[in-house]
């Protein structure tokens, strides 16, 4: 129970920060982009904490537990994405917008902006939903199920929604800094302790190698089906993460919050080092957890979960769901010192709520600016806009809570959301900054194509008897969703007149 007390104390501190920062919110710009006043070191903390969410904590650690080093293919997509964003960070900040739909309207017109808003709300609300599930997992596990999964989900939702409502971006970024510090110390300390307890890195490599977990493509092919190769699966994890990162509205909104373009670029540079470090640590924690399970130090999560299951799909889901609890199992069973155990479980909650708050704020901001202020009440006063922003955070938080039951694992929810957003938004968004020839028609075609194919491949095609007979590349959603979206962007742009220079010129401003 001491772990549970530690979590509640930390969450209370986050809410207290929200109450303290509420006095700084005087208008909608303060709520949405922190008054465009953030220095680079604050930006690093909030960018890091926002990106590191349940997707990293549960699915990343779970992939490390089941597939070893190959789990880093999912993380690697984000690393490449950040590296590419570094080169346009100045352009993004100099544009001076607030939301991603703002960018779409300036470059592609109102129709594209509305479609971008709809897609963002759907994808980001889904992402918030699995943050709530992740928080429920943690609270249930560390309390020995005194707190049920359902109750844990409710508690996580209440905390995340509360301090997001209070101060918007000011609340989010400064709690993110605390979370970023905590998650760095917690994951590093736990990993070092566990490596020492398992007799060093050489012993871990030896045991992991015997099960195929110290290989570039791991054992993915064997886990799913012998017909799908490791590289095909690896890239199917790599691409959605990369596309989500490069189009992530959280990142753009934080870059818009920077005090100047130089601070934005510097923050992105340090951000990539933090993400590489933390995601590698989390994946290695999952891998070392599997070694600890083989030695009987912690329960064999996968072995216990798959007992009595024969259906291949249900078996895979059980393996995924069980492996996603590995970090909590390490905190409970690996013999960590009490202080370090409290630090690790608090880190888990820090990662979860710091992502939930950001992915709540973005769609609320989009709906406020791009729907309410533009179409419903164009003459709204600042107090009205602030009130609507806070109300939408509450509404979207409740919708996210209702969506929790729609996905059986964090991994499934994460990659569905990643593909919806990455395939629909990112191609046209990047084209705005890199391709002068991109047009309104190309952007609209890309958004509709990416979203439609994601929905088709996720919810309809798997039930078709001929689906399993398709080429492995087409069984993996990533390839058709991203491929056809980019194709639609290119063809739609080339089939329509080029945009005027005054439209694209503002997107190529690299001045300090």
Protein backbone atom coordinates (compact mmCIF):
# COMPACT_ATOMS: atom_id res chain seq x y z
CA UNK A 1 0.00 0.00 0.00
CA UNK A 2 2.95 2.31 0.49
CA UNK A 3 3.36 2.46 -3.30
CA UNK A 4 -0.25 3.57 -3.59
CA UNK A 5 0.26 6.35 -1.05
CA UNK A 6 3.31 7.53 -2.99
CA UNK A 7 1.29 7.73 -6.21
CA UNK A 8 -1.52 9.72 -4.59
CA UNK A 9 0.91 12.16 -3.00
CA UNK A 10 2.56 12.77 -6.38
CA UNK A 11 -0.76 13.20 -8.19
CA UNK A 12 -1.84 15.69 -5.52
CA UNK A 13 1.32 17.69 -6.16
CA UNK A 14 0.44 17.86 -9.87
CA UNK A 15 -3.04 19.18 -9.10
CA UNK A 16 -1.50 21.75 -6.70
CA UNK A 17 0.72 22.97 -9.54
CA UNK A 18 -2.40 23.41 -11.66
CA UNK A 19 -4.04 25.52 -8.94
CA UNK A 20 -0.89 27.63 -8.63
CA UNK A 21 -0.58 28.24 -12.38
CA UNK A 22 -4.27 29.10 -12.89
CA UNK A 23 -3.51 32.72 -11.92
CA UNK A 24 -1.32 33.02 -15.04
CA UNK A 25 -4.22 32.29 -17.40
CA UNK A 26 -5.68 35.63 -18.43
CA UNK A 27 -6.78 34.88 -22.02
CA UNK A 28 -7.16 32.04 -24.54
CA UNK A 29 -3.58 32.35 -25.79
CA UNK A 30 -2.37 31.74 -22.24
CA UNK A 31 -4.59 28.66 -21.99
CA UNK A 32 -3.69 27.24 -25.42
CA UNK A 33 -0.03 28.21 -26.03
CA UNK A 34 1.17 29.55 -22.63
CA UNK A 35 1.32 33.10 -23.97
CA UNK A 36 4.12 32.08 -26.40
CA UNK A 37 6.60 32.62 -23.56
CA UNK A 38 8.29 29.25 -22.93
CA UNK A 39 12.12 29.03 -22.86
CA UNK A 40 13.87 26.08 -24.52
CA UNK A 41 14.58 24.11 -21.33
CA UNK A 42 10.90 24.15 -20.30
CA UNK A 43 9.98 23.07 -23.83
CA UNK A 44 12.33 20.09 -23.61
CA UNK A 45 10.63 18.87 -20.44
CA UNK A 46 7.11 19.19 -21.79
CA UNK A 47 7.95 17.69 -25.21
CA UNK A 48 9.60 14.71 -23.52
CA UNK A 49 6.86 14.08 -20.97
CA UNK A 50 4.11 14.44 -23.55
CA UNK A 51 5.57 11.95 -26.00
CA UNK A 52 6.37 9.37 -23.32
CA UNK A 53 2.93 8.00 -22.55
CA UNK A 54 1.19 4.68 -22.04
CA UNK A 55 2.20 3.75 -25.58
CA UNK A 56 5.85 3.80 -24.44
CA UNK A 57 5.28 2.60 -20.89
CA UNK A 58 3.02 -0.38 -21.57
CA UNK A 59 3.25 -1.32 -25.24
CA UNK A 60 6.97 -0.38 -25.43
CA UNK A 61 7.87 -2.37 -22.32
CA UNK A 62 5.56 -5.18 -23.44
CA UNK A 63 7.30 -5.39 -26.81
CA UNK A 64 10.64 -5.50 -25.00
CA UNK A 65 9.35 -8.32 -22.77
CA UNK A 66 8.04 -10.44 -25.66
CA UNK A 67 10.33 -9.49 -28.53
CA UNK A 68 13.50 -8.07 -26.96
CA UNK A 69 15.57 -5.50 -28.81
CA UNK A 70 13.21 -5.66 -31.78
CA UNK A 71 10.68 -3.72 -29.69
CA UNK A 72 12.83 -0.64 -30.30
CA UNK A 73 11.61 -0.54 -33.90
CA UNK A 74 8.46 1.09 -32.57
CA UNK A 75 10.47 3.71 -30.68
CA UNK A 76 12.89 4.24 -33.57
CA UNK A 77 10.14 5.72 -35.69
CA UNK A 78 9.83 8.59 -33.20
CA UNK A 79 13.59 9.14 -33.18
CA UNK A 80 13.72 9.62 -36.93
CA UNK A 81 10.62 11.78 -36.82
CA UNK A 82 12.14 14.18 -34.27
CA UNK A 83 15.37 14.36 -36.28
CA UNK A 84 13.41 15.47 -39.35
CA UNK A 85 11.33 18.00 -37.39
CA UNK A 86 14.57 19.63 -36.16
CA UNK A 87 15.15 21.02 -39.66
CA UNK A 88 11.80 22.82 -39.82
CA UNK A 89 11.41 23.87 -36.16
CA UNK A 90 12.15 27.51 -37.02
CA UNK A 91 9.60 27.47 -39.84
CA UNK A 92 6.93 26.09 -37.52
CA UNK A 93 7.51 28.72 -34.81
CA UNK A 94 7.77 31.59 -37.31
CA UNK A 95 4.41 30.63 -38.76
CA UNK A 96 2.87 31.78 -35.45
CA UNK A 97 -0.26 29.62 -35.45
CA UNK A 98 -1.95 27.86 -32.52
CA UNK A 99 -3.24 24.51 -33.83
CA UNK A 100 -2.56 22.06 -36.66
CA UNK A 101 -5.95 22.88 -38.29
CA UNK A 102 -4.75 26.52 -38.29
CA UNK A 103 -1.85 25.34 -40.46
CA UNK A 104 -4.20 23.42 -42.76
CA UNK A 105 -6.48 26.42 -43.20
CA UNK A 106 -3.59 28.75 -44.05
CA UNK A 107 -2.14 26.27 -46.55
CA UNK A 108 -5.10 24.29 -47.88
CA UNK A 109 -8.30 26.12 -46.97
CA UNK A 110 -11.29 25.62 -44.64
CA UNK A 111 -12.40 22.17 -45.83
CA UNK A 112 -9.00 20.64 -45.11
CA UNK A 113 -8.93 22.39 -41.73
CA UNK A 114 -12.33 20.94 -40.73
CA UNK A 115 -11.26 17.44 -41.80
CA UNK A 116 -8.01 17.84 -39.82
CA UNK A 117 -10.00 18.88 -36.75
CA UNK A 118 -12.32 15.86 -36.97
CA UNK A 119 -9.41 13.45 -37.43
CA UNK A 120 -7.45 14.98 -34.55
CA UNK A 121 -10.40 14.77 -32.15
CA UNK A 122 -11.01 11.09 -32.98
CA UNK A 123 -7.37 9.99 -32.80
CA UNK A 124 -6.41 12.02 -29.73
CA UNK A 125 -9.48 11.07 -27.72
CA UNK A 126 -8.56 7.44 -28.40
CA UNK A 127 -5.03 8.11 -27.14
CA UNK A 128 -6.41 9.67 -23.96
CA UNK A 129 -8.61 6.61 -23.41
CA UNK A 130 -5.69 4.21 -23.22
CA UNK A 131 -3.82 6.56 -20.89
CA UNK A 132 -6.74 6.13 -18.50
CA UNK A 133 -6.55 2.36 -18.94
CA UNK A 134 -2.81 2.46 -18.25
CA UNK A 135 -3.38 4.41 -15.04
CA UNK A 136 -6.02 1.89 -14.00
CA UNK A 137 -3.53 -0.93 -14.58
CA UNK A 138 -0.94 0.72 -12.35
CA UNK A 139 -3.29 1.52 -9.47
CA UNK A 140 -4.83 -1.95 -9.55
CA UNK A 141 -1.48 -3.76 -9.62
CA UNK A 142 0.28 -1.76 -6.91
CA UNK A 143 -2.72 -1.98 -4.58
CA UNK A 144 -2.94 -5.79 -4.93
CA UNK A 145 -6.30 -5.22 -6.65
CA UNK A 146 -7.79 -3.44 -3.63
CA UNK A 147 -8.45 -0.77 -6.26
CA UNK A 148 -10.11 -2.50 -9.21
CA UNK A 149 -9.09 -1.79 -12.79
CA UNK A 150 -12.35 0.09 -13.34
CA UNK A 151 -11.86 2.24 -10.21
CA UNK A 152 -8.24 2.92 -11.17
CA UNK A 153 -9.36 4.15 -14.57
CA UNK A 154 -11.82 6.55 -12.93
CA UNK A 155 -9.20 7.89 -10.50
CA UNK A 156 -6.67 8.46 -13.30
CA UNK A 157 -9.27 10.22 -15.43
CA UNK A 158 -10.30 12.54 -12.59
CA UNK A 159 -6.73 13.60 -11.82
CA UNK A 160 -5.72 14.12 -15.47
CA UNK A 161 -8.85 16.07 -16.35
CA UNK A 162 -8.70 18.20 -13.19
CA UNK A 163 -5.37 19.86 -13.64
CA UNK A 164 -5.79 20.20 -17.41
CA UNK A 165 -9.03 22.13 -16.84
CA UNK A 166 -7.37 24.43 -14.33
CA UNK A 167 -4.63 26.15 -16.31
CA UNK A 168 -4.43 24.63 -19.77
CA UNK A 169 -0.99 24.80 -21.35
CA UNK A 170 0.58 26.55 -18.34
CA UNK A 171 -0.57 23.71 -16.08
CA UNK A 172 0.46 21.07 -18.60
CA UNK A 173 3.99 22.29 -19.36
CA UNK A 174 5.10 22.89 -15.78
CA UNK A 175 3.75 19.59 -14.49
CA UNK A 176 5.41 17.99 -17.51
CA UNK A 177 8.78 19.32 -16.35
CA UNK A 178 8.30 17.59 -12.99
CA UNK A 179 7.17 14.43 -14.76
CA UNK A 180 10.13 14.52 -17.16
CA UNK A 181 12.63 14.71 -14.29
CA UNK A 182 10.87 11.95 -12.37
CA UNK A 183 10.55 9.53 -15.29
CA UNK A 184 14.24 9.95 -16.21
CA UNK A 185 15.47 9.22 -12.68
CA UNK A 186 12.94 6.42 -12.09
CA UNK A 187 13.53 4.38 -15.25
CA UNK A 188 17.32 4.71 -15.14
CA UNK A 189 17.52 3.75 -11.46
CA UNK A 190 15.23 0.72 -11.86
CA UNK A 191 17.13 -0.52 -14.91
CA UNK A 192 20.53 -0.22 -13.21
CA UNK A 193 19.24 -2.04 -10.12
CA UNK A 194 17.71 -4.87 -12.14
CA UNK A 195 20.82 -5.35 -14.30
CA UNK A 196 22.89 -5.63 -11.12
CA UNK A 197 20.43 -8.13 -9.59
CA UNK A 198 20.52 -10.28 -12.73
CA UNK A 199 24.34 -10.58 -12.53
CA UNK A 200 25.20 -8.03 -15.16
CA UNK A 201 24.61 -7.27 -18.81
CA UNK A 202 26.51 -10.33 -20.09
CA UNK A 203 24.13 -12.68 -18.27
CA UNK A 204 21.13 -10.80 -19.66
CA UNK A 205 22.50 -11.00 -23.22
CA UNK A 206 23.19 -14.72 -22.84
CA UNK A 207 19.63 -15.54 -21.70
CA UNK A 208 17.98 -13.15 -24.16
CA UNK A 209 19.98 -14.58 -27.08
CA UNK A 210 18.75 -18.10 -26.30
CA UNK A 211 15.13 -16.97 -26.85
CA UNK A 212 15.75 -14.80 -29.93
CA UNK A 213 15.36 -11.54 -28.03
CA UNK A 214 18.83 -10.17 -28.76
CA UNK A 215 18.22 -10.00 -32.51
CA UNK A 216 17.44 -7.09 -34.81
CA UNK A 217 13.99 -8.41 -35.73
CA UNK A 218 13.41 -10.51 -32.63
CA UNK A 219 10.82 -13.27 -32.66
CA UNK A 220 7.86 -11.40 -34.15
CA UNK A 221 7.41 -13.82 -37.01
CA UNK A 222 7.19 -16.80 -34.68
CA UNK A 223 4.82 -14.98 -32.34
CA UNK A 224 2.23 -14.12 -34.95
CA UNK A 225 2.58 -16.39 -37.94
CA UNK A 226 5.45 -17.95 -39.78
CA UNK A 227 4.20 -16.33 -42.95
CA UNK A 228 4.97 -12.78 -41.90
CA UNK A 229 8.64 -11.91 -41.71
CA UNK A 230 10.26 -9.97 -38.91
CA UNK A 231 11.24 -7.00 -41.13
CA UNK A 232 7.68 -6.59 -42.40
CA UNK A 233 6.33 -6.45 -38.86
CA UNK A 234 9.19 -4.26 -37.60
CA UNK A 235 8.57 -1.57 -40.21
CA UNK A 236 4.83 -1.77 -39.58
CA UNK A 237 5.59 -0.59 -36.02
CA UNK A 238 8.25 1.92 -37.13
CA UNK A 239 6.21 3.89 -39.68
CA UNK A 240 3.03 4.70 -37.66
CA UNK A 241 5.12 6.00 -34.75
CA UNK A 242 7.20 8.13 -37.11
CA UNK A 243 4.13 9.55 -38.85
CA UNK A 244 2.37 10.33 -35.57
CA UNK A 245 5.45 12.13 -34.22
CA UNK A 246 6.01 14.23 -37.34
CA UNK A 247 2.37 15.28 -37.37
CA UNK A 248 1.80 15.37 -33.61
CA UNK A 249 -0.32 18.39 -32.78
CA UNK A 250 1.15 18.44 -29.26
CA UNK A 251 4.59 19.06 -30.70
CA UNK A 252 3.40 21.83 -33.01
CA UNK A 253 1.43 23.51 -30.23
CA UNK A 254 4.48 23.46 -27.96
CA UNK A 255 6.73 24.86 -30.68
CA UNK A 256 4.16 27.62 -31.17
CA UNK A 257 4.48 28.23 -27.40
CA UNK A 258 8.24 28.90 -27.62
CA UNK A 259 9.44 32.41 -26.88
CA UNK A 260 11.27 32.51 -30.24
CA UNK A 261 12.30 30.27 -33.16
CA UNK A 262 15.81 29.72 -31.78
CA UNK A 263 14.38 28.32 -28.53
CA UNK A 264 12.11 26.03 -30.55
CA UNK A 265 14.97 24.54 -32.56
CA UNK A 266 17.22 24.12 -29.50
CA UNK A 267 14.42 22.37 -27.60
CA UNK A 268 13.84 19.87 -30.42
CA UNK A 269 17.58 19.05 -30.47
CA UNK A 270 17.67 18.15 -26.77
CA UNK A 271 14.30 16.46 -26.99
CA UNK A 272 15.61 13.73 -29.27
CA UNK A 273 18.34 12.78 -26.77
CA UNK A 274 15.77 12.48 -23.97
CA UNK A 275 13.39 10.35 -26.04
CA UNK A 276 16.15 7.97 -27.21
CA UNK A 277 17.38 7.55 -23.63
CA UNK A 278 13.99 6.97 -22.00
CA UNK A 279 12.45 4.75 -24.66
CA UNK A 280 15.57 2.59 -24.74
CA UNK A 281 15.48 2.29 -20.95
CA UNK A 282 11.80 1.30 -20.98
CA UNK A 283 12.33 -1.31 -23.70
CA UNK A 284 15.36 -2.70 -21.86
CA UNK A 285 13.33 -2.80 -18.63
CA UNK A 286 10.86 -5.02 -20.49
CA UNK A 287 13.69 -7.23 -21.78
CA UNK A 288 15.36 -7.53 -18.36
CA UNK A 289 11.92 -8.26 -16.93
CA UNK A 290 11.64 -11.30 -19.24
CA UNK A 291 15.06 -12.47 -18.03
CA UNK A 292 13.95 -11.95 -14.42
CA UNK A 293 10.84 -14.03 -15.17
CA UNK A 294 12.98 -16.86 -16.59
CA UNK A 295 14.93 -16.87 -13.31
CA UNK A 296 11.79 -16.86 -11.17
CA UNK A 297 12.40 -13.39 -9.74
CA UNK A 298 9.09 -12.07 -11.08
CA UNK A 299 6.10 -14.07 -12.39
CA UNK A 300 6.23 -15.31 -15.99
CA UNK A 301 3.54 -12.95 -17.22
CA UNK A 302 3.04 -14.45 -20.67
CA UNK A 303 3.09 -18.07 -19.50
CA UNK A 304 0.42 -17.38 -16.89
CA UNK A 305 -1.77 -15.40 -19.31
CA UNK A 306 -1.88 -17.93 -22.13
CA UNK A 307 -2.82 -20.97 -20.04
CA UNK A 308 -5.96 -22.64 -21.38
CA UNK A 309 -6.19 -20.45 -24.53
CA UNK A 310 -6.11 -22.13 -27.94
CA UNK A 311 -7.51 -19.49 -30.31
CA UNK A 312 -4.52 -17.79 -32.06
CA UNK A 313 -6.01 -14.27 -31.94
CA UNK A 314 -7.04 -14.57 -28.29
CA UNK A 315 -3.63 -16.03 -27.48
CA UNK A 316 -1.82 -13.06 -29.01
CA UNK A 317 -4.09 -10.60 -27.19
CA UNK A 318 -3.47 -12.39 -23.89
CA UNK A 319 0.30 -12.30 -24.43
CA UNK A 320 0.19 -8.61 -25.28
CA UNK A 321 -2.03 -7.64 -22.37
CA UNK A 322 0.00 -9.59 -19.79
CA UNK A 323 3.39 -8.38 -21.01
CA UNK A 324 2.25 -4.75 -20.76
CA UNK A 325 2.26 -5.06 -16.95
CA UNK A 326 5.97 -5.93 -16.76
CA UNK A 327 7.18 -2.65 -15.19
CA UNK A 328 4.55 -2.85 -12.46
CA UNK A 329 5.60 -6.47 -11.86
CA UNK A 330 9.24 -5.34 -11.54
CA UNK A 331 8.21 -2.71 -8.98
CA UNK A 332 6.26 -5.29 -6.92
CA UNK A 333 8.32 -8.48 -7.15
CA UNK A 334 11.92 -7.67 -8.13
CA UNK A 335 13.03 -6.68 -4.63
CA UNK A 336 13.59 -2.99 -5.36
CA UNK A 337 14.33 -0.83 -2.30
CA UNK A 338 11.11 0.79 -1.06
CA UNK A 339 12.15 4.27 -2.16
CA UNK A 340 13.06 3.04 -5.63
CA UNK A 341 9.80 1.09 -5.92
CA UNK A 342 7.79 4.20 -5.02
CA UNK A 343 9.86 6.20 -7.51
CA UNK A 344 9.19 3.67 -10.29
CA UNK A 345 5.42 3.44 -9.82
CA UNK A 346 5.22 7.23 -9.49
CA UNK A 347 7.18 7.40 -12.75
CA UNK A 348 4.57 5.20 -14.37
CA UNK A 349 1.76 7.51 -13.32
CA UNK A 350 3.82 10.56 -14.31
CA UNK A 351 4.23 9.17 -17.81
CA UNK A 352 0.53 8.41 -18.08
CA UNK A 353 -1.01 11.65 -16.81
CA UNK A 354 1.54 13.89 -18.58
CA UNK A 355 0.41 12.40 -21.87
CA UNK A 356 -3.30 12.32 -21.02
CA UNK A 357 -3.39 16.03 -20.19
CA UNK A 358 -1.70 17.03 -23.44
CA UNK A 359 -3.87 14.84 -25.65
CA UNK A 360 -6.92 16.27 -23.88
CA UNK A 361 -5.85 19.88 -24.39
CA UNK A 362 -5.16 19.55 -28.13
CA UNK A 363 -8.64 18.46 -29.35
CA UNK A 364 -10.27 20.89 -26.91
CA UNK A 365 -8.16 23.69 -28.38
CA UNK A 366 -8.95 22.56 -31.93
CA UNK A 367 -12.71 22.51 -31.32
CA UNK A 368 -12.62 25.87 -29.53
CA UNK A 369 -10.57 27.74 -32.14
CA UNK A 370 -11.50 25.92 -35.32
CA UNK A 371 -15.19 25.23 -34.71
CA UNK A 372 -16.63 27.37 -31.88
CA UNK A 373 -14.72 30.63 -32.53
CA UNK A 374 -14.94 30.27 -36.31
CA UNK A 375 -18.45 28.98 -36.94
CA UNK A 376 -20.55 28.99 -33.75
CA UNK A 377 -19.65 32.30 -32.10
CA UNK A 378 -17.11 34.34 -34.11
CA UNK A 379 -17.54 37.33 -31.77
CA UNK A 380 -17.04 35.43 -28.53
CA UNK A 381 -15.32 37.27 -25.68
CA UNK A 382 -12.13 35.92 -24.10
CA UNK A 383 -14.01 34.73 -21.00
CA UNK A 384 -16.44 32.79 -23.18
CA UNK A 385 -13.59 31.16 -25.13
CA UNK A 386 -11.83 30.17 -21.90
CA UNK A 387 -15.06 28.72 -20.51
CA UNK A 388 -15.72 26.70 -23.68
CA UNK A 389 -12.11 25.43 -23.71
CA UNK A 390 -12.43 24.13 -20.16
CA UNK A 391 -15.87 22.66 -20.82
CA UNK A 392 -14.56 20.80 -23.87
CA UNK A 393 -11.70 19.33 -21.82
CA UNK A 394 -14.35 17.90 -19.47
CA UNK A 395 -16.52 16.57 -22.31
CA UNK A 396 -13.64 14.99 -24.24
CA UNK A 397 -12.28 13.50 -21.03
CA UNK A 398 -15.64 11.83 -20.43
CA UNK A 399 -15.79 10.53 -24.02
CA UNK A 400 -12.26 9.12 -23.64
CA UNK A 401 -13.40 7.36 -20.49
CA UNK A 402 -16.26 5.75 -22.43
CA UNK A 403 -13.83 4.60 -25.15
CA UNK A 404 -11.63 2.66 -22.71
CA UNK A 405 -13.68 -0.52 -23.18
CA UNK A 406 -13.31 -0.50 -26.98
CA UNK A 407 -9.71 -1.80 -27.02
CA UNK A 408 -8.40 -4.91 -25.25
CA UNK A 409 -4.75 -3.78 -25.03
CA UNK A 410 -2.82 -0.52 -24.97
CA UNK A 411 -0.89 -1.68 -28.05
CA UNK A 412 -4.06 -2.16 -30.12
CA UNK A 413 -5.46 1.23 -29.15
CA UNK A 414 -2.13 2.98 -29.66
CA UNK A 415 -1.48 1.77 -33.18
CA UNK A 416 -5.07 2.28 -34.30
CA UNK A 417 -4.82 5.92 -33.16
CA UNK A 418 -1.31 6.29 -34.60
CA UNK A 419 -2.48 5.09 -38.01
CA UNK A 420 -5.65 7.18 -38.04
CA UNK A 421 -3.69 10.35 -37.35
CA UNK A 422 -0.39 9.54 -39.03
CA UNK A 423 -1.87 8.37 -42.33
CA UNK A 424 -4.51 11.11 -42.48
CA UNK A 425 -2.76 14.24 -41.22
CA UNK A 426 1.02 13.89 -41.44
CA UNK A 427 1.56 13.59 -45.24
CA UNK A 428 -0.27 16.84 -46.02
CA UNK A 429 1.11 18.59 -42.93
CA UNK A 430 4.73 17.87 -43.87
CA UNK A 431 4.04 18.72 -47.50
CA UNK A 432 3.02 22.21 -46.36
CA UNK A 433 6.62 22.82 -45.21
CA UNK A 434 8.50 20.76 -47.79
CA UNK A 435 6.55 20.73 -51.09
CA UNK A 436 5.51 24.01 -52.65
CA UNK A 437 3.35 22.19 -55.21
CA UNK A 438 0.99 20.64 -52.60
CA UNK A 439 -2.61 21.78 -53.14
CA UNK A 440 -6.00 21.90 -51.42
CA UNK A 441 -7.30 18.95 -53.44
CA UNK A 442 -4.24 16.84 -52.64
CA UNK A 443 -4.54 17.53 -48.88
CA UNK A 444 -8.28 16.74 -48.78
CA UNK A 445 -7.77 13.53 -50.78
CA UNK A 446 -4.92 12.47 -48.49
CA UNK A 447 -6.91 13.00 -45.27
CA UNK A 448 -9.98 11.14 -46.53
CA UNK A 449 -7.95 8.28 -48.02
CA UNK A 450 -5.77 7.77 -44.92
CA UNK A 451 -8.74 7.73 -42.52
CA UNK A 452 -10.92 5.54 -44.75
CA UNK A 453 -8.28 2.88 -45.30
CA UNK A 454 -7.39 2.79 -41.59
CA UNK A 455 -11.03 2.18 -40.66
CA UNK A 456 -11.50 -0.38 -43.46
CA UNK A 457 -8.36 -2.38 -42.58
CA UNK A 458 -9.03 -2.24 -38.83
CA UNK A 459 -12.73 -2.98 -38.56
CA UNK A 460 -13.93 -4.66 -41.77
CA UNK A 461 -11.26 -6.50 -43.74
CA UNK A 462 -10.05 -8.83 -40.91
CA UNK A 463 -13.49 -10.49 -40.87
CA UNK A 464 -13.25 -11.28 -44.61
CA UNK A 465 -12.20 -14.87 -45.28
CA UNK A 466 -9.73 -13.85 -47.99
CA UNK A 467 -7.87 -11.38 -45.77
CA UNK A 468 -5.34 -13.96 -44.52
CA UNK A 469 -4.54 -14.89 -48.12
CA UNK A 470 -3.42 -11.36 -48.96
CA UNK A 471 0.28 -10.52 -49.15
CA UNK A 472 1.76 -9.95 -45.66
CA UNK A 473 2.42 -6.30 -46.49
CA UNK A 474 -1.31 -5.74 -47.01
CA UNK A 475 -2.17 -7.56 -43.79
CA UNK A 476 -0.23 -4.91 -41.90
CA UNK A 477 -2.32 -1.71 -41.79
CA UNK A 478 0.68 0.63 -41.96
CA UNK A 479 1.58 0.02 -45.57
CA UNK A 480 -1.78 0.53 -47.31
CA UNK A 481 -2.83 3.40 -45.00
CA UNK A 482 0.35 5.48 -45.38
CA UNK A 483 1.03 4.42 -48.98
CA UNK A 484 -2.39 5.28 -50.41
CA UNK A 485 -2.56 8.51 -48.39
CA UNK A 486 0.71 9.76 -49.85
CA UNK A 487 -0.36 8.64 -53.33
CA UNK A 488 -3.63 10.56 -52.98
CA UNK A 489 -1.70 13.68 -51.88
CA UNK A 490 0.64 13.54 -54.87
CA UNK A 491 -2.00 12.72 -57.51
CA UNK A 492 -4.52 15.23 -56.13
CA UNK A 493 -1.88 17.99 -56.11
CA UNK A 494 -0.62 17.27 -59.63
CA UNK A 495 -4.17 17.12 -61.00
CA UNK A 496 -5.02 20.59 -59.67
CA UNK A 497 -3.52 24.05 -60.32
CA UNK A 498 -0.44 24.96 -58.21
CA UNK A 499 -1.08 27.21 -55.20
CA UNK A 500 -0.20 30.93 -55.39
CA UNK A 501 3.23 31.92 -54.09
CA UNK A 502 1.71 33.98 -51.27
CA UNK A 503 0.07 30.81 -49.90
CA UNK A 504 3.16 28.59 -49.64
CA UNK A 505 5.80 31.30 -49.08
CA UNK A 506 4.98 31.78 -45.37
CA UNK A 507 5.78 28.09 -44.77
CA UNK A 508 9.37 28.44 -45.95
CA UNK A 509 10.49 31.18 -43.53
CA UNK A 510 13.71 30.07 -41.76
CA UNK A 511 14.59 33.49 -40.32
CA UNK A 512 15.50 33.66 -36.61
